[in-house]
N, C-alpha and C. Protein backbone atom coordinates (compact mmCIF):
# COMPACT_ATOMS: atom_id res chain seq x y z
N MET A 1 85.58 130.15 104.34
CA MET A 1 86.79 129.58 103.88
C MET A 1 86.83 129.64 102.31
N ALA A 2 87.96 130.05 101.80
CA ALA A 2 88.07 130.22 100.30
C ALA A 2 88.22 128.85 99.65
N LYS A 3 87.74 128.79 98.41
CA LYS A 3 87.86 127.59 97.60
C LYS A 3 89.33 127.46 97.12
N PRO A 4 89.94 126.28 97.32
CA PRO A 4 91.32 126.11 96.89
C PRO A 4 91.46 126.15 95.37
N SER A 5 92.61 126.67 94.93
CA SER A 5 92.84 126.77 93.52
C SER A 5 93.26 125.42 92.97
N GLY A 6 93.25 125.34 91.63
CA GLY A 6 93.64 124.08 90.97
C GLY A 6 95.07 123.71 91.23
N LEU A 7 95.96 124.72 91.29
CA LEU A 7 97.34 124.50 91.59
C LEU A 7 97.53 123.95 92.99
N GLN A 8 96.77 124.54 93.91
CA GLN A 8 96.87 124.11 95.31
C GLN A 8 96.37 122.68 95.46
N ILE A 9 95.27 122.33 94.78
CA ILE A 9 94.81 120.95 94.83
C ILE A 9 95.81 119.97 94.29
N ARG A 10 96.42 120.34 93.14
CA ARG A 10 97.43 119.50 92.55
C ARG A 10 98.62 119.30 93.49
N ASN A 11 99.04 120.36 94.18
CA ASN A 11 100.16 120.27 95.10
C ASN A 11 99.83 119.41 96.29
N ILE A 12 98.59 119.48 96.78
CA ILE A 12 98.19 118.64 97.96
C ILE A 12 98.15 117.18 97.49
N ILE A 13 97.60 116.89 96.35
CA ILE A 13 97.58 115.50 95.87
C ILE A 13 98.99 114.96 95.70
N ALA A 14 99.89 115.78 95.12
CA ALA A 14 101.30 115.38 94.94
C ALA A 14 101.93 115.11 96.31
N ALA A 15 101.65 115.96 97.27
CA ALA A 15 102.29 115.75 98.60
C ALA A 15 101.79 114.50 99.26
N VAL A 16 100.50 114.19 99.12
CA VAL A 16 99.96 112.95 99.72
C VAL A 16 100.55 111.72 99.04
N LEU A 17 100.68 111.75 97.73
CA LEU A 17 101.26 110.60 96.98
C LEU A 17 102.72 110.45 97.37
N MET A 18 103.43 111.56 97.49
CA MET A 18 104.85 111.44 97.85
C MET A 18 105.05 110.97 99.29
N ALA A 19 104.13 111.37 100.21
CA ALA A 19 104.17 110.88 101.57
C ALA A 19 103.96 109.39 101.61
N ALA A 20 103.06 108.89 100.75
CA ALA A 20 102.83 107.45 100.69
C ALA A 20 104.04 106.70 100.15
N ALA A 21 104.71 107.31 99.16
CA ALA A 21 105.89 106.72 98.57
C ALA A 21 107.07 106.74 99.58
N PHE A 22 107.13 107.79 100.37
CA PHE A 22 108.13 107.90 101.42
C PHE A 22 107.98 106.77 102.47
N VAL A 23 106.75 106.56 102.93
CA VAL A 23 106.48 105.47 103.88
C VAL A 23 106.76 104.16 103.25
N TRP A 24 106.28 103.91 102.04
CA TRP A 24 106.52 102.65 101.33
C TRP A 24 108.01 102.37 101.19
N ASN A 25 108.81 103.39 100.79
CA ASN A 25 110.23 103.17 100.65
C ASN A 25 110.90 102.85 101.99
N LEU A 26 110.39 103.43 103.09
CA LEU A 26 110.96 103.10 104.42
C LEU A 26 110.62 101.66 104.79
N VAL A 27 109.39 101.21 104.50
CA VAL A 27 108.90 99.93 104.87
C VAL A 27 109.68 98.83 104.11
N ILE A 28 109.91 99.04 102.81
CA ILE A 28 110.59 98.01 102.04
C ILE A 28 112.11 98.06 102.22
N GLY A 29 112.60 99.08 102.90
CA GLY A 29 114.05 99.22 103.09
C GLY A 29 114.75 99.71 101.85
N GLY A 30 114.13 100.62 101.15
CA GLY A 30 114.76 101.15 99.90
C GLY A 30 115.98 101.97 100.16
N PRO A 31 116.66 102.45 99.15
CA PRO A 31 117.81 103.24 99.32
C PRO A 31 117.56 104.54 100.10
N TRP A 32 118.50 104.96 100.93
CA TRP A 32 118.23 106.15 101.73
C TRP A 32 118.07 107.39 100.92
N TRP A 33 118.83 107.43 99.81
CA TRP A 33 118.80 108.66 98.98
C TRP A 33 117.45 108.84 98.29
N VAL A 34 116.77 107.71 98.00
CA VAL A 34 115.45 107.82 97.39
C VAL A 34 114.51 108.36 98.43
N THR A 35 114.61 107.87 99.64
CA THR A 35 113.75 108.31 100.72
C THR A 35 113.97 109.81 100.97
N ALA A 36 115.24 110.23 100.96
CA ALA A 36 115.56 111.66 101.16
C ALA A 36 114.94 112.53 100.08
N ILE A 37 115.11 112.11 98.82
CA ILE A 37 114.56 112.90 97.69
C ILE A 37 113.06 113.01 97.77
N VAL A 38 112.39 111.91 98.05
CA VAL A 38 110.93 111.87 98.11
C VAL A 38 110.46 112.74 99.28
N GLY A 39 111.14 112.63 100.42
CA GLY A 39 110.83 113.43 101.58
C GLY A 39 110.94 114.95 101.30
N VAL A 40 112.02 115.36 100.70
CA VAL A 40 112.20 116.78 100.34
C VAL A 40 111.14 117.23 99.36
N ALA A 41 110.84 116.41 98.37
CA ALA A 41 109.78 116.72 97.38
C ALA A 41 108.43 116.89 98.05
N CYS A 42 108.15 116.05 99.01
CA CYS A 42 106.87 116.15 99.75
C CYS A 42 106.79 117.48 100.52
N LEU A 43 107.91 117.81 101.19
CA LEU A 43 107.92 119.06 101.93
C LEU A 43 107.75 120.29 101.00
N LEU A 44 108.45 120.26 99.88
CA LEU A 44 108.35 121.37 98.91
C LEU A 44 106.93 121.51 98.35
N SER A 45 106.29 120.38 98.03
CA SER A 45 104.95 120.46 97.48
C SER A 45 103.97 120.95 98.54
N SER A 46 104.16 120.54 99.82
CA SER A 46 103.29 121.00 100.86
C SER A 46 103.43 122.55 101.07
N PHE A 47 104.72 122.99 101.04
CA PHE A 47 104.96 124.42 101.21
C PHE A 47 104.42 125.22 100.05
N SER A 48 104.51 124.67 98.84
CA SER A 48 103.96 125.33 97.69
C SER A 48 102.46 125.43 97.75
N ALA A 49 101.74 124.40 98.24
CA ALA A 49 100.31 124.49 98.43
C ALA A 49 99.97 125.57 99.43
N TYR A 50 100.78 125.68 100.49
CA TYR A 50 100.51 126.70 101.52
C TYR A 50 100.76 128.11 100.95
N LEU A 51 101.76 128.29 100.18
CA LEU A 51 102.05 129.61 99.58
C LEU A 51 101.02 130.01 98.52
N ASN A 52 100.42 129.03 97.84
CA ASN A 52 99.44 129.33 96.81
C ASN A 52 98.00 129.40 97.31
N ARG A 53 97.84 129.50 98.60
CA ARG A 53 96.49 129.64 99.16
C ARG A 53 95.89 130.97 98.75
N PRO A 54 94.56 131.00 98.57
CA PRO A 54 93.94 132.20 98.06
C PRO A 54 94.11 133.45 98.98
N SER A 55 94.22 133.26 100.26
CA SER A 55 94.35 134.33 101.19
C SER A 55 95.78 134.97 101.19
N ALA A 56 96.70 134.32 100.55
CA ALA A 56 98.12 134.80 100.47
C ALA A 56 98.30 135.75 99.33
N ARG A 57 97.33 135.82 98.42
CA ARG A 57 97.46 136.73 97.25
C ARG A 57 97.03 138.14 97.65
N PRO A 58 97.74 139.13 97.09
CA PRO A 58 97.36 140.53 97.41
C PRO A 58 96.07 140.96 96.79
């Protein structure tokens, strides 16, 4: 298994933090639009980490 890049690690950490913020906002009953923005950001960060994996590079 290849060692993850720095960018990939940063994206994974960001995705985990945003997932926690997503759950926290749902639990406290925050505005729906904040939940939607954080959810989309989490998905984009996860997808970016996947695309930046070492095996995806030519």
